[in-house]
Protein backbone atom coordinates (compact mmCIF):
# COMPACT_ATOMS: atom_id res chain seq x y z
CA UNK A 1 -13.27 22.94 25.29
CA UNK A 2 -16.49 21.95 26.93
CA UNK A 3 -16.68 19.18 29.62
CA UNK A 4 -18.69 16.87 27.24
CA UNK A 5 -16.15 17.39 24.44
CA UNK A 6 -13.34 16.31 26.92
CA UNK A 7 -15.21 13.21 28.29
CA UNK A 8 -15.84 11.99 24.60
CA UNK A 9 -12.14 12.60 23.59
CA UNK A 10 -11.06 10.76 26.59
CA UNK A 11 -13.49 7.94 25.84
CA UNK A 12 -12.28 7.81 22.34
CA UNK A 13 -8.78 7.59 23.43
CA UNK A 14 -9.39 4.78 25.58
CA UNK A 15 -11.27 2.84 23.00
CA UNK A 16 -8.45 3.34 20.64
CA UNK A 17 -5.97 2.38 23.28
CA UNK A 18 -7.96 -0.80 24.22
CA UNK A 19 -8.04 -1.88 20.70
CA UNK A 20 -4.31 -1.34 20.11
CA UNK A 21 -3.40 -3.42 23.12
CA UNK A 22 -5.66 -6.10 22.00
CA UNK A 23 -4.18 -6.17 18.59
CA UNK A 24 -0.72 -6.03 20.16
CA UNK A 25 -1.48 -8.93 22.46
CA UNK A 26 -3.16 -11.25 20.06
CA UNK A 27 -1.47 -10.27 16.89
CA UNK A 28 -3.25 -8.67 13.88
CA UNK A 29 -2.98 -11.74 11.70
CA UNK A 30 -4.73 -13.69 14.49
CA UNK A 31 -7.50 -11.04 14.87
CA UNK A 32 -8.20 -11.01 11.27
CA UNK A 33 -8.05 -14.81 11.14
CA UNK A 34 -10.40 -15.16 14.15
CA UNK A 35 -12.95 -12.87 12.44
CA UNK A 36 -12.69 -14.46 9.18
CA UNK A 37 -12.75 -18.17 9.86
CA UNK A 38 -14.40 -18.51 13.34
CA UNK A 39 -17.79 -20.02 12.38
CA UNK A 40 -18.21 -22.41 15.38
CA UNK A 41 -21.73 -23.76 15.94
CA UNK A 42 -22.70 -25.78 19.03
CA UNK A 43 -22.80 -29.48 18.11
CA UNK A 44 -25.41 -31.98 18.28
CA UNK A 45 -23.50 -35.06 19.78
CA UNK A 46 -24.45 -36.07 23.21
CA UNK A 47 -22.64 -38.34 25.66
CA UNK A 48 -23.10 -41.96 24.48
CA UNK A 49 -23.80 -41.05 20.81
CA UNK A 50 -21.80 -42.97 18.13
CA UNK A 51 -18.80 -41.23 16.90
CA UNK A 52 -19.41 -39.66 13.37
CA UNK A 53 -17.68 -41.95 10.64
CA UNK A 54 -14.97 -39.80 9.32
CA UNK A 55 -11.64 -40.53 7.57
CA UNK A 56 -8.60 -39.34 9.07
CA UNK A 57 -4.81 -39.40 8.05
CA UNK A 58 -2.66 -42.06 9.67
CA UNK A 59 0.50 -41.28 11.51
CA UNK A 60 2.55 -41.83 8.29
CA UNK A 61 0.75 -38.87 6.91
CA UNK A 62 -0.59 -40.98 3.63
CA UNK A 63 -2.80 -43.69 4.71
CA UNK A 64 -6.60 -42.94 5.29
CA UNK A 65 -7.98 -44.45 8.64
CA UNK A 66 -11.87 -44.55 9.04
CA UNK A 67 -12.81 -44.21 12.56
CA UNK A 68 -15.80 -46.72 12.22
CA UNK A 69 -13.29 -49.60 11.47
CA UNK A 70 -11.93 -49.15 14.90
CA UNK A 71 -14.97 -48.81 16.98
CA UNK A 72 -16.21 -51.59 19.17
CA UNK A 73 -13.37 -54.10 20.35
CA UNK A 74 -11.34 -51.62 22.37
CA UNK A 75 -11.78 -48.21 23.64
CA UNK A 76 -10.92 -45.69 20.82
CA UNK A 77 -9.29 -42.28 21.89
CA UNK A 78 -8.73 -39.36 19.40
CA UNK A 79 -6.42 -36.64 20.37
CA UNK A 80 -6.13 -33.48 18.41
CA UNK A 81 -3.47 -31.17 19.34
CA UNK A 82 0.23 -30.76 19.43
CA UNK A 83 2.72 -31.80 22.26
CA UNK A 84 5.68 -29.52 20.83
């Protein structure tokens, strides 16, 4: 084999190994999900803007809660995440 073919073969093997390591580390379902559903865009909200009026589900899992109803009297903190 010529040197150029050996280099190309070695580079191809490295690329495949890196891709396999990435899928093994992240997981194949997560990679597909990230590619399929990740459509983030930079937001237009700035510091000091009013919060968008959205309806969220209360802690009981059933009751709707409008954010606009709770803005004004006291500070409003929204926490999105899991503590488990």
